[in-house]
């Protein structure tokens, strides 16, 4: 049975990108002192087409592999790099300790590697891709199946149609949750960082306001003792624009110096946070330009009011004191 707008459907015991199942890995003929750990995913033959994982070597799982529950596995590129190096992994046997003990698979039964696919994030958006193996989901009945559907239309209406199809096949089976992958990623991977960013933005805004108040206060304090001198300058012919420019330049010098020092420090510190960033480089020019514009604008506004007030000095009052 086909549904309009559905291009491919697959089964898996976990969702893409989110935190995977992990198992200790053993490879016959490989000697290593440290423990090797890999993610594993129980899938069907349509998984690679639905998720769009490119085949790099060998083959992907076939319908025969799934129907007969063969002990075969497809690994990702990171698995090959970490555990096989430059050697060919096709045909090599691998064992999964946790998979054998927790999923009802006979202990010590190896899985033959039949193919290698490209990497995709499989441990959240902030972490590097883990080594991962894809195994026929039919080797055990203990795992919960997740239906992944790729559509060519919006999610609206598709979920209800899928529920009807599942119910028509087996009325005793019900879909527990139905969300778009975008919603799942937001809930599991992005909600916490977004909340942290929201709080950080609030504190940064408060800090910016306090800094602006401090610049305003310091500039006002430095201008006050010069009121008499400014009045004399204006009595001798100085123009208000010139006085405004003089006070602004004096107030902006430490602000410009602080921005330059901050940019230099950020270039070094942001590289330490590279693994916490997603979709933006640690030295994104747009971000730095935006920060410079905001800080410069706020600093200039904080200096402008005292400078503007300095241009309102009455020269007659200054001369009277003389």
C-alpha atoms as a PDB file:
ATOM      1  CA  UNK A   1       0.000   0.000   0.000  1.00  0.00           C
ATOM      2  CA  UNK A   2       1.379   3.421  -0.980  1.00  0.00           C
ATOM      3  CA  UNK A   3       0.558   6.847   0.381  1.00  0.00           C
ATOM      4  CA  UNK A   4       0.580  10.060  -1.669  1.00  0.00           C
ATOM      5  CA  UNK A   5       3.589  12.180  -0.852  1.00  0.00           C
ATOM      6  CA  UNK A   6       5.581   9.332   0.754  1.00  0.00           C
ATOM      7  CA  UNK A   7       8.809   8.581  -1.137  1.00  0.00           C
ATOM      8  CA  UNK A   8      10.383   5.955   1.141  1.00  0.00           C
ATOM      9  CA  UNK A   9       9.787   4.173   4.458  1.00  0.00           C
ATOM     10  CA  UNK A  10      12.169   2.284   6.707  1.00  0.00           C
ATOM     11  CA  UNK A  11      12.465   0.684  10.150  1.00  0.00           C
ATOM     12  CA  UNK A  12      15.085   1.420  12.775  1.00  0.00           C
ATOM     13  CA  UNK A  13      15.462   0.977  16.521  1.00  0.00           C
ATOM     14  CA  UNK A  14      16.747   4.554  16.967  1.00  0.00           C
ATOM     15  CA  UNK A  15      16.457   7.974  15.389  1.00  0.00           C
ATOM     16  CA  UNK A  16      19.147   9.580  13.227  1.00  0.00           C
ATOM     17  CA  UNK A  17      21.457  12.112  14.909  1.00  0.00           C
ATOM     18  CA  UNK A  18      20.173  11.367  18.427  1.00  0.00           C
ATOM     19  CA  UNK A  19      22.259   9.400  20.939  1.00  0.00           C
ATOM     20  CA  UNK A  20      22.799   5.821  19.674  1.00  0.00           C
ATOM     21  CA  UNK A  21      23.036   2.347  21.162  1.00  0.00           C
ATOM     22  CA  UNK A  22      26.640   1.615  22.149  1.00  0.00           C
ATOM     23  CA  UNK A  23      28.535  -1.647  22.376  1.00  0.00           C
ATOM     24  CA  UNK A  24      32.061  -2.855  22.964  1.00  0.00           C
ATOM     25  CA  UNK A  25      33.484  -4.119  19.676  1.00  0.00           C
ATOM     26  CA  UNK A  26      35.809  -7.037  19.009  1.00  0.00           C
ATOM     27  CA  UNK A  27      37.428  -7.700  15.641  1.00  0.00           C
ATOM     28  CA  UNK A  28      38.986 -11.061  14.932  1.00  0.00           C
ATOM     29  CA  UNK A  29      42.693 -10.732  14.225  1.00  0.00           C
ATOM     30  CA  UNK A  30      42.979  -7.174  15.575  1.00  0.00           C
ATOM     31  CA  UNK A  31      45.084  -6.599  18.689  1.00  0.00           C
ATOM     32  CA  UNK A  32      44.552  -3.435  20.710  1.00  0.00           C
ATOM     33  CA  UNK A  33      45.055  -2.402  24.313  1.00  0.00           C
ATOM     34  CA  UNK A  34      42.210   0.117  24.615  1.00  0.00           C
ATOM     35  CA  UNK A  35      38.505  -0.736  24.534  1.00  0.00           C
ATOM     36  CA  UNK A  36      36.868  -0.234  21.160  1.00  0.00           C
ATOM     37  CA  UNK A  37      33.309   1.105  21.289  1.00  0.00           C
ATOM     38  CA  UNK A  38      30.878   1.531  18.436  1.00  0.00           C
ATOM     39  CA  UNK A  39      27.287   2.604  17.935  1.00  0.00           C
ATOM     40  CA  UNK A  40      24.945   0.068  16.390  1.00  0.00           C
ATOM     41  CA  UNK A  41      21.558   0.454  14.762  1.00  0.00           C
ATOM     42  CA  UNK A  42      19.033  -2.266  13.885  1.00  0.00           C
ATOM     43  CA  UNK A  43      17.571  -1.372  10.476  1.00  0.00           C
ATOM     44  CA  UNK A  44      15.929  -2.796   7.369  1.00  0.00           C
ATOM     45  CA  UNK A  45      17.036  -2.766   3.743  1.00  0.00           C
ATOM     46  CA  UNK A  46      15.459   0.629   2.923  1.00  0.00           C
ATOM     47  CA  UNK A  47      17.230   2.533   5.692  1.00  0.00           C
ATOM     48  CA  UNK A  48      20.157   3.769   3.601  1.00  0.00           C
ATOM     49  CA  UNK A  49      17.914   5.054   0.810  1.00  0.00           C
ATOM     50  CA  UNK A  50      15.580   6.814   3.259  1.00  0.00           C
ATOM     51  CA  UNK A  51      18.368   8.431   5.285  1.00  0.00           C
ATOM     52  CA  UNK A  52      20.412   9.113   2.129  1.00  0.00           C
ATOM     53  CA  UNK A  53      23.614   7.455   3.317  1.00  0.00           C
ATOM     54  CA  UNK A  54      25.897   7.017   0.282  1.00  0.00           C
ATOM     55  CA  UNK A  55      27.453   3.593  -0.380  1.00  0.00           C
ATOM     56  CA  UNK A  56      31.252   3.831  -0.468  1.00  0.00           C
ATOM     57  CA  UNK A  57      32.274   0.185  -0.707  1.00  0.00           C
ATOM     58  CA  UNK A  58      30.638  -3.257  -0.948  1.00  0.00           C
ATOM     59  CA  UNK A  59      26.852  -3.331  -0.657  1.00  0.00           C
ATOM     60  CA  UNK A  60      24.075  -2.321   1.709  1.00  0.00           C
ATOM     61  CA  UNK A  61      21.700  -4.692   3.473  1.00  0.00           C
ATOM     62  CA  UNK A  62      19.382  -6.615   1.153  1.00  0.00           C
ATOM     63  CA  UNK A  63      15.859  -7.934   1.601  1.00  0.00           C
ATOM     64  CA  UNK A  64      17.353 -11.438   1.832  1.00  0.00           C
ATOM     65  CA  UNK A  65      19.593 -10.326   4.713  1.00  0.00           C
ATOM     66  CA  UNK A  66      16.558  -8.955   6.554  1.00  0.00           C
ATOM     67  CA  UNK A  67      14.191 -11.866   5.851  1.00  0.00           C
ATOM     68  CA  UNK A  68      16.741 -14.491   6.881  1.00  0.00           C
ATOM     69  CA  UNK A  69      18.139 -12.436   9.800  1.00  0.00           C
ATOM     70  CA  UNK A  70      21.682 -12.944   8.549  1.00  0.00           C
ATOM     71  CA  UNK A  71      24.593 -11.940  10.759  1.00  0.00           C
ATOM     72  CA  UNK A  72      25.882  -9.219   8.427  1.00  0.00           C
ATOM     73  CA  UNK A  73      26.676  -5.577   9.059  1.00  0.00           C
ATOM     74  CA  UNK A  74      27.253  -2.359   7.152  1.00  0.00           C
ATOM     75  CA  UNK A  75      29.675   0.053   8.813  1.00  0.00           C
ATOM     76  CA  UNK A  76      30.243   3.758   8.389  1.00  0.00           C
ATOM     77  CA  UNK A  77      33.424   5.445   7.187  1.00  0.00           C
ATOM     78  CA  UNK A  78      34.452   6.444  10.733  1.00  0.00           C
ATOM     79  CA  UNK A  79      34.279   2.778  11.812  1.00  0.00           C
ATOM     80  CA  UNK A  80      36.650   1.846   8.964  1.00  0.00           C
ATOM     81  CA  UNK A  81      39.056   4.675   9.789  1.00  0.00           C
ATOM     82  CA  UNK A  82      39.206   3.971  13.530  1.00  0.00           C
ATOM     83  CA  UNK A  83      39.337   0.174  13.553  1.00  0.00           C
ATOM     84  CA  UNK A  84      40.725  -0.925  10.176  1.00  0.00           C
ATOM     85  CA  UNK A  85      42.937   1.940   9.061  1.00  0.00           C
ATOM     86  CA  UNK A  86      43.982   1.424   5.448  1.00  0.00           C
ATOM     87  CA  UNK A  87      42.984  -2.270   5.281  1.00  0.00           C
ATOM     88  CA  UNK A  88      39.830  -3.480   3.525  1.00  0.00           C
ATOM     89  CA  UNK A  89      37.045  -4.244   6.048  1.00  0.00           C
ATOM     90  CA  UNK A  90      34.781  -6.136   3.616  1.00  0.00           C
ATOM     91  CA  UNK A  91      34.362  -9.730   4.746  1.00  0.00           C
ATOM     92  CA  UNK A  92      35.932  -9.172   8.165  1.00  0.00           C
ATOM     93  CA  UNK A  93      34.014 -10.504  11.221  1.00  0.00           C
ATOM     94  CA  UNK A  94      33.103  -8.171  14.096  1.00  0.00           C
ATOM     95  CA  UNK A  95      31.468  -8.876  17.448  1.00  0.00           C
ATOM     96  CA  UNK A  96      29.263  -6.665  19.625  1.00  0.00           C
ATOM     97  CA  UNK A  97      29.377  -7.521  23.321  1.00  0.00           C
ATOM     98  CA  UNK A  98      26.351  -5.484  24.472  1.00  0.00           C
ATOM     99  CA  UNK A  99      24.318  -6.437  21.413  1.00  0.00           C
ATOM    100  CA  UNK A 100      24.909 -10.106  22.112  1.00  0.00           C
ATOM    101  CA  UNK A 101      24.046  -9.890  25.803  1.00  0.00           C
ATOM    102  CA  UNK A 102      21.191  -7.396  25.782  1.00  0.00           C
ATOM    103  CA  UNK A 103      19.363  -8.081  22.534  1.00  0.00           C
ATOM    104  CA  UNK A 104      19.007 -11.859  22.793  1.00  0.00           C
ATOM    105  CA  UNK A 105      21.629 -12.658  20.162  1.00  0.00           C
ATOM    106  CA  UNK A 106      23.743 -15.780  20.861  1.00  0.00           C
ATOM    107  CA  UNK A 107      26.936 -14.801  22.611  1.00  0.00           C
ATOM    108  CA  UNK A 108      30.067 -14.630  20.521  1.00  0.00           C
ATOM    109  CA  UNK A 109      28.296 -14.757  17.142  1.00  0.00           C
ATOM    110  CA  UNK A 110      30.217 -12.485  14.749  1.00  0.00           C
ATOM    111  CA  UNK A 111      28.747 -10.267  12.060  1.00  0.00           C
ATOM    112  CA  UNK A 112      30.330 -10.185   8.612  1.00  0.00           C
ATOM    113  CA  UNK A 113      30.979  -6.726   7.174  1.00  0.00           C
ATOM    114  CA  UNK A 114      29.391  -6.457   3.732  1.00  0.00           C
ATOM    115  CA  UNK A 115      29.568  -2.723   3.032  1.00  0.00           C
ATOM    116  CA  UNK A 116      30.771   0.746   4.013  1.00  0.00           C
ATOM    117  CA  UNK A 117      28.581   3.878   3.882  1.00  0.00           C
ATOM    118  CA  UNK A 118      29.303   7.553   4.415  1.00  0.00           C
ATOM    119  CA  UNK A 119      29.310   9.264   7.787  1.00  0.00           C
ATOM    120  CA  UNK A 120      26.363  11.103   9.315  1.00  0.00           C
ATOM    121  CA  UNK A 121      26.042  12.660  12.749  1.00  0.00           C
ATOM    122  CA  UNK A 122      24.891   9.975  15.178  1.00  0.00           C
ATOM    123  CA  UNK A 123      25.616  11.399  18.651  1.00  0.00           C
ATOM    124  CA  UNK A 124      23.870  14.734  18.722  1.00  0.00           C
ATOM    125  CA  UNK A 125      24.786  17.834  16.775  1.00  0.00           C
ATOM    126  CA  UNK A 126      27.626  18.973  19.045  1.00  0.00           C
ATOM    127  CA  UNK A 127      29.632  15.703  19.084  1.00  0.00           C
ATOM    128  CA  UNK A 128      31.778  14.117  16.410  1.00  0.00           C
ATOM    129  CA  UNK A 129      30.427  11.183  14.423  1.00  0.00           C
ATOM    130  CA  UNK A 130      30.918   7.848  16.179  1.00  0.00           C
ATOM    131  CA  UNK A 131      31.891   4.564  14.542  1.00  0.00           C
ATOM    132  CA  UNK A 132      28.581   2.878  13.710  1.00  0.00           C
ATOM    133  CA  UNK A 133      27.363  -0.470  12.396  1.00  0.00           C
ATOM    134  CA  UNK A 134      23.986  -1.170  10.787  1.00  0.00           C
ATOM    135  CA  UNK A 135      22.587  -4.646  11.445  1.00  0.00           C
ATOM    136  CA  UNK A 136      19.364  -6.391  10.287  1.00  0.00           C
ATOM    137  CA  UNK A 137      16.595  -5.586  12.770  1.00  0.00           C
ATOM    138  CA  UNK A 138      15.221  -9.120  12.437  1.00  0.00           C
ATOM    139  CA  UNK A 139      18.029 -10.648  14.517  1.00  0.00           C
ATOM    140  CA  UNK A 140      15.986  -9.849  17.617  1.00  0.00           C
ATOM    141  CA  UNK A 141      12.406  -9.045  18.544  1.00  0.00           C
ATOM    142  CA  UNK A 142      13.356  -7.206  21.730  1.00  0.00           C
ATOM    143  CA  UNK A 143      13.975  -3.778  20.200  1.00  0.00           C
ATOM    144  CA  UNK A 144      11.300  -1.136  19.705  1.00  0.00           C
ATOM    145  CA  UNK A 145      10.824  -0.320  16.040  1.00  0.00           C
ATOM    146  CA  UNK A 146      10.808   3.267  14.832  1.00  0.00           C
ATOM    147  CA  UNK A 147       9.190   4.005  11.482  1.00  0.00           C
ATOM    148  CA  UNK A 148      11.056   6.634   9.478  1.00  0.00           C
ATOM    149  CA  UNK A 149       9.143   8.167   6.586  1.00  0.00           C
ATOM    150  CA  UNK A 150      10.591  10.469   3.938  1.00  0.00           C
ATOM    151  CA  UNK A 151       7.953  12.651   2.344  1.00  0.00           C
ATOM    152  CA  UNK A 152       7.810  15.053  -0.559  1.00  0.00           C
ATOM    153  CA  UNK A 153       5.074  17.112   1.097  1.00  0.00           C
ATOM    154  CA  UNK A 154       4.545  18.742   4.503  1.00  0.00           C
ATOM    155  CA  UNK A 155       3.925  16.653   7.603  1.00  0.00           C
ATOM    156  CA  UNK A 156       0.323  17.806   7.954  1.00  0.00           C
ATOM    157  CA  UNK A 157      -2.065  14.976   7.116  1.00  0.00           C
ATOM    158  CA  UNK A 158       0.671  12.384   6.534  1.00  0.00           C
ATOM    159  CA  UNK A 159       0.719  11.191  10.156  1.00  0.00           C
ATOM    160  CA  UNK A 160      -3.017  10.466  10.220  1.00  0.00           C
ATOM    161  CA  UNK A 161      -2.753   8.503   6.980  1.00  0.00           C
ATOM    162  CA  UNK A 162       0.169   6.489   8.357  1.00  0.00           C
ATOM    163  CA  UNK A 163      -1.831   5.672  11.499  1.00  0.00           C
ATOM    164  CA  UNK A 164      -4.691   4.398   9.341  1.00  0.00           C
ATOM    165  CA  UNK A 165      -2.355   2.221   7.270  1.00  0.00           C
ATOM    166  CA  UNK A 166      -0.711   0.728  10.371  1.00  0.00           C
ATOM    167  CA  UNK A 167      -4.101   0.076  11.952  1.00  0.00           C
ATOM    168  CA  UNK A 168      -5.380  -1.614   8.789  1.00  0.00           C
ATOM    169  CA  UNK A 169      -2.378  -3.964   8.785  1.00  0.00           C
ATOM    170  CA  UNK A 170      -2.553  -4.802  12.499  1.00  0.00           C
ATOM    171  CA  UNK A 171      -5.179  -3.159  14.762  1.00  0.00           C
ATOM    172  CA  UNK A 172      -3.119  -4.153  17.831  1.00  0.00           C
ATOM    173  CA  UNK A 173      -0.206  -1.948  16.777  1.00  0.00           C
ATOM    174  CA  UNK A 174      -0.309   1.779  17.534  1.00  0.00           C
ATOM    175  CA  UNK A 175       2.108   4.619  16.898  1.00  0.00           C
ATOM    176  CA  UNK A 176       3.364   5.923  20.240  1.00  0.00           C
ATOM    177  CA  UNK A 177       4.773   9.241  18.985  1.00  0.00           C
ATOM    178  CA  UNK A 178       4.713  10.933  15.617  1.00  0.00           C
ATOM    179  CA  UNK A 179       6.968  13.927  15.035  1.00  0.00           C
ATOM    180  CA  UNK A 180       9.008  15.334  12.213  1.00  0.00           C
ATOM    181  CA  UNK A 181      12.741  14.770  12.461  1.00  0.00           C
ATOM    182  CA  UNK A 182      13.135  18.534  12.708  1.00  0.00           C
ATOM    183  CA  UNK A 183      10.934  18.576  15.825  1.00  0.00           C
ATOM    184  CA  UNK A 184      12.850  15.649  17.327  1.00  0.00           C
ATOM    185  CA  UNK A 185      16.187  17.357  16.730  1.00  0.00           C
ATOM    186  CA  UNK A 186      14.897  20.558  18.275  1.00  0.00           C
ATOM    187  CA  UNK A 187      13.590  18.745  21.352  1.00  0.00           C
ATOM    188  CA  UNK A 188      16.553  16.419  21.913  1.00  0.00           C
ATOM    189  CA  UNK A 189      19.495  18.425  20.595  1.00  0.00           C
ATOM    190  CA  UNK A 190      18.638  22.110  20.299  1.00  0.00           C
ATOM    191  CA  UNK A 191      16.161  22.970  23.069  1.00  0.00           C
ATOM    192  CA  UNK A 192      18.729  22.963  25.885  1.00  0.00           C
ATOM    193  CA  UNK A 193      21.370  24.995  23.971  1.00  0.00           C
ATOM    194  CA  UNK A 194      18.689  27.462  22.845  1.00  0.00           C
ATOM    195  CA  UNK A 195      17.533  27.957  26.446  1.00  0.00           C
ATOM    196  CA  UNK A 196      21.150  28.444  27.535  1.00  0.00           C
ATOM    197  CA  UNK A 197      21.632  30.927  24.701  1.00  0.00           C
ATOM    198  CA  UNK A 198      18.480  32.769  25.777  1.00  0.00           C
ATOM    199  CA  UNK A 199      19.748  33.109  29.351  1.00  0.00           C
ATOM    200  CA  UNK A 200      23.214  34.080  28.112  1.00  0.00           C
ATOM    201  CA  UNK A 201      21.633  36.712  25.885  1.00  0.00           C
ATOM    202  CA  UNK A 202      19.711  38.184  28.829  1.00  0.00           C
ATOM    203  CA  UNK A 203      22.847  38.414  30.972  1.00  0.00           C
ATOM    204  CA  UNK A 204      24.824  39.803  28.033  1.00  0.00           C
ATOM    205  CA  UNK A 205      22.136  42.446  27.487  1.00  0.00           C
ATOM    206  CA  UNK A 206      22.237  43.402  31.170  1.00  0.00           C
ATOM    207  CA  UNK A 207      26.024  43.602  30.992  1.00  0.00           C
ATOM    208  CA  UNK A 208      25.813  45.787  27.886  1.00  0.00           C
ATOM    209  CA  UNK A 209      23.374  48.162  29.600  1.00  0.00           C
ATOM    210  CA  UNK A 210      25.579  48.389  32.700  1.00  0.00           C
ATOM    211  CA  UNK A 211      28.615  49.029  30.490  1.00  0.00           C
ATOM    212  CA  UNK A 212      26.767  51.796  28.650  1.00  0.00           C
ATOM    213  CA  UNK A 213      25.801  53.385  31.981  1.00  0.00           C
ATOM    214  CA  UNK A 214      29.426  53.151  33.113  1.00  0.00           C
ATOM    215  CA  UNK A 215      30.742  54.765  29.914  1.00  0.00           C
ATOM    216  CA  UNK A 216      28.135  57.509  30.222  1.00  0.00           C
ATOM    217  CA  UNK A 217      29.070  58.157  33.856  1.00  0.00           C
ATOM    218  CA  UNK A 218      32.814  58.207  33.228  1.00  0.00           C
ATOM    219  CA  UNK A 219      32.454  60.467  30.202  1.00  0.00           C
ATOM    220  CA  UNK A 220      30.146  62.819  32.100  1.00  0.00           C
ATOM    221  CA  UNK A 221      32.566  62.920  35.029  1.00  0.00           C
ATOM    222  CA  UNK A 222      35.533  63.658  32.752  1.00  0.00           C
ATOM    223  CA  UNK A 223      33.624  66.406  30.929  1.00  0.00           C
ATOM    224  CA  UNK A 224      32.419  68.179  34.090  1.00  0.00           C
ATOM    225  CA  UNK A 225      35.860  69.588  35.129  1.00  0.00           C
ATOM    226  CA  UNK A 226      36.378  70.806  31.537  1.00  0.00           C
ATOM    227  CA  UNK A 227      33.131  72.779  31.365  1.00  0.00           C
ATOM    228  CA  UNK A 228      34.974  76.024  32.153  1.00  0.00           C
ATOM    229  CA  UNK A 229      37.652  75.356  29.491  1.00  0.00           C
ATOM    230  CA  UNK A 230      35.027  74.391  26.914  1.00  0.00           C
ATOM    231  CA  UNK A 231      33.157  77.630  27.577  1.00  0.00           C
ATOM    232  CA  UNK A 232      36.341  79.665  27.014  1.00  0.00           C
ATOM    233  CA  UNK A 233      37.036  77.758  23.771  1.00  0.00           C
ATOM    234  CA  UNK A 234      33.550  78.536  22.532  1.00  0.00           C
ATOM    235  CA  UNK A 235      33.900  82.200  23.584  1.00  0.00           C
ATOM    236  CA  UNK A 236      37.095  82.360  21.500  1.00  0.00           C
ATOM    237  CA  UNK A 237      35.295  80.978  18.448  1.00  0.00           C
ATOM    238  CA  UNK A 238      35.212  77.187  18.786  1.00  0.00           C
ATOM    239  CA  UNK A 239      32.206  75.702  17.017  1.00  0.00           C
ATOM    240  CA  UNK A 240      29.788  73.298  18.767  1.00  0.00           C
ATOM    241  CA  UNK A 241      30.564  70.601  16.166  1.00  0.00           C
ATOM    242  CA  UNK A 242      34.248  70.810  17.007  1.00  0.00           C
ATOM    243  CA  UNK A 243      33.575  70.555  20.748  1.00  0.00           C
ATOM    244  CA  UNK A 244      31.238  67.589  20.136  1.00  0.00           C
ATOM    245  CA  UNK A 245      33.899  65.826  18.058  1.00  0.00           C
ATOM    246  CA  UNK A 246      36.587  66.476  20.672  1.00  0.00           C
ATOM    247  CA  UNK A 247      34.564  64.988  23.530  1.00  0.00           C
ATOM    248  CA  UNK A 248      33.400  62.022  21.425  1.00  0.00           C
ATOM    249  CA  UNK A 249      36.950  61.125  20.361  1.00  0.00           C
ATOM    250  CA  UNK A 250      38.160  61.298  23.934  1.00  0.00           C
ATOM    251  CA  UNK A 251      35.386  58.993  25.118  1.00  0.00           C
ATOM    252  CA  UNK A 252      35.656  56.567  22.202  1.00  0.00           C
ATOM    253  CA  UNK A 253      39.403  55.901  22.501  1.00  0.00           C
ATOM    254  CA  UNK A 254      39.131  53.451  25.433  1.00  0.00           C
ATOM    255  CA  UNK A 255      36.050  51.873  23.826  1.00  0.00           C
ATOM    256  CA  UNK A 256      37.899  51.184  20.572  1.00  0.00           C
ATOM    257  CA  UNK A 257      40.879  49.835  22.514  1.00  0.00           C
ATOM    258  CA  UNK A 258      38.566  47.541  24.513  1.00  0.00           C
ATOM    259  CA  UNK A 259      36.886  46.238  21.337  1.00  0.00           C
ATOM    260  CA  UNK A 260      40.249  45.454  19.719  1.00  0.00           C
ATOM    261  CA  UNK A 261      41.504  43.663  22.836  1.00  0.00           C
ATOM    262  CA  UNK A 262      38.236  41.745  23.084  1.00  0.00           C
ATOM    263  CA  UNK A 263      38.405  40.664  19.431  1.00  0.00           C
ATOM    264  CA  UNK A 264      41.927  39.344  19.916  1.00  0.00           C
ATOM    265  CA  UNK A 265      40.912  37.398  23.010  1.00  0.00           C
ATOM    266  CA  UNK A 266      37.807  36.026  21.300  1.00  0.00           C
ATOM    267  CA  UNK A 267      39.772  34.700  18.340  1.00  0.00           C
ATOM    268  CA  UNK A 268      41.747  32.550  20.761  1.00  0.00           C
ATOM    269  CA  UNK A 269      38.889  31.514  23.054  1.00  0.00           C
ATOM    270  CA  UNK A 270      36.387  30.698  20.317  1.00  0.00           C
ATOM    271  CA  UNK A 271      38.662  27.968  18.976  1.00  0.00           C
ATOM    272  CA  UNK A 272      38.350  26.224  22.340  1.00  0.00           C
ATOM    273  CA  UNK A 273      34.564  26.250  21.865  1.00  0.00           C
ATOM    274  CA  UNK A 274      34.628  24.934  18.297  1.00  0.00           C
ATOM    275  CA  UNK A 275      33.069  21.586  19.245  1.00  0.00           C
ATOM    276  CA  UNK A 276      30.119  23.414  20.851  1.00  0.00           C
ATOM    277  CA  UNK A 277      29.229  25.294  17.670  1.00  0.00           C
ATOM    278  CA  UNK A 278      26.912  24.019  14.951  1.00  0.00           C
ATOM    279  CA  UNK A 279      26.374  25.625  11.573  1.00  0.00           C
ATOM    280  CA  UNK A 280      28.841  28.465  12.192  1.00  0.00           C
ATOM    281  CA  UNK A 281      32.630  28.655  12.229  1.00  0.00           C
ATOM    282  CA  UNK A 282      34.537  29.773  15.348  1.00  0.00           C
ATOM    283  CA  UNK A 283      35.743  32.850  13.440  1.00  0.00           C
ATOM    284  CA  UNK A 284      32.526  33.687  11.590  1.00  0.00           C
ATOM    285  CA  UNK A 285      33.116  37.195  10.177  1.00  0.00           C
ATOM    286  CA  UNK A 286      29.434  38.144  10.286  1.00  0.00           C
ATOM    287  CA  UNK A 287      29.272  37.497  14.031  1.00  0.00           C
ATOM    288  CA  UNK A 288      32.377  39.539  14.799  1.00  0.00           C
ATOM    289  CA  UNK A 289      31.289  42.410  12.537  1.00  0.00           C
ATOM    290  CA  UNK A 290      27.859  42.442  14.212  1.00  0.00           C
ATOM    291  CA  UNK A 291      29.418  42.521  17.684  1.00  0.00           C
ATOM    292  CA  UNK A 292      31.728  45.394  16.708  1.00  0.00           C
ATOM    293  CA  UNK A 293      28.803  47.384  15.284  1.00  0.00           C
ATOM    294  CA  UNK A 294      26.642  46.842  18.377  1.00  0.00           C
ATOM    295  CA  UNK A 295      29.409  47.668  20.869  1.00  0.00           C
ATOM    296  CA  UNK A 296      30.554  50.681  18.845  1.00  0.00           C
ATOM    297  CA  UNK A 297      27.017  52.025  18.518  1.00  0.00           C
ATOM    298  CA  UNK A 298      26.247  51.617  22.225  1.00  0.00           C
ATOM    299  CA  UNK A 299      29.577  53.174  23.191  1.00  0.00           C
ATOM    300  CA  UNK A 300      29.046  56.125  20.877  1.00  0.00           C
ATOM    301  CA  UNK A 301      25.521  56.653  22.216  1.00  0.00           C
ATOM    302  CA  UNK A 302      26.852  56.606  25.789  1.00  0.00           C
ATOM    303  CA  UNK A 303      29.473  59.227  24.890  1.00  0.00           C
ATOM    304  CA  UNK A 304      27.151  61.354  22.763  1.00  0.00           C
ATOM    305  CA  UNK A 305      24.915  62.625  25.564  1.00  0.00           C
ATOM    306  CA  UNK A 306      27.740  64.101  27.701  1.00  0.00           C
ATOM    307  CA  UNK A 307      29.372  65.470  24.547  1.00  0.00           C
ATOM    308  CA  UNK A 308      26.112  67.031  23.445  1.00  0.00           C
ATOM    309  CA  UNK A 309      25.676  68.598  26.860  1.00  0.00           C
ATOM    310  CA  UNK A 310      29.185  70.047  26.635  1.00  0.00           C
ATOM    311  CA  UNK A 311      28.214  71.958  23.486  1.00  0.00           C
ATOM    312  CA  UNK A 312      25.444  73.692  25.454  1.00  0.00           C
ATOM    313  CA  UNK A 313      27.903  75.464  27.783  1.00  0.00           C
ATOM    314  CA  UNK A 314      27.228  79.205  27.889  1.00  0.00           C
ATOM    315  CA  UNK A 315      30.485  81.084  27.003  1.00  0.00           C
ATOM    316  CA  UNK A 316      29.304  84.133  29.008  1.00  0.00           C
ATOM    317  CA  UNK A 317      29.277  82.127  32.217  1.00  0.00           C
ATOM    318  CA  UNK A 318      32.832  80.889  31.582  1.00  0.00           C
ATOM    319  CA  UNK A 319      34.061  84.451  30.834  1.00  0.00           C
ATOM    320  CA  UNK A 320      32.336  85.822  33.934  1.00  0.00           C
ATOM    321  CA  UNK A 321      34.453  83.506  36.086  1.00  0.00           C
ATOM    322  CA  UNK A 322      37.523  84.751  34.279  1.00  0.00           C
END
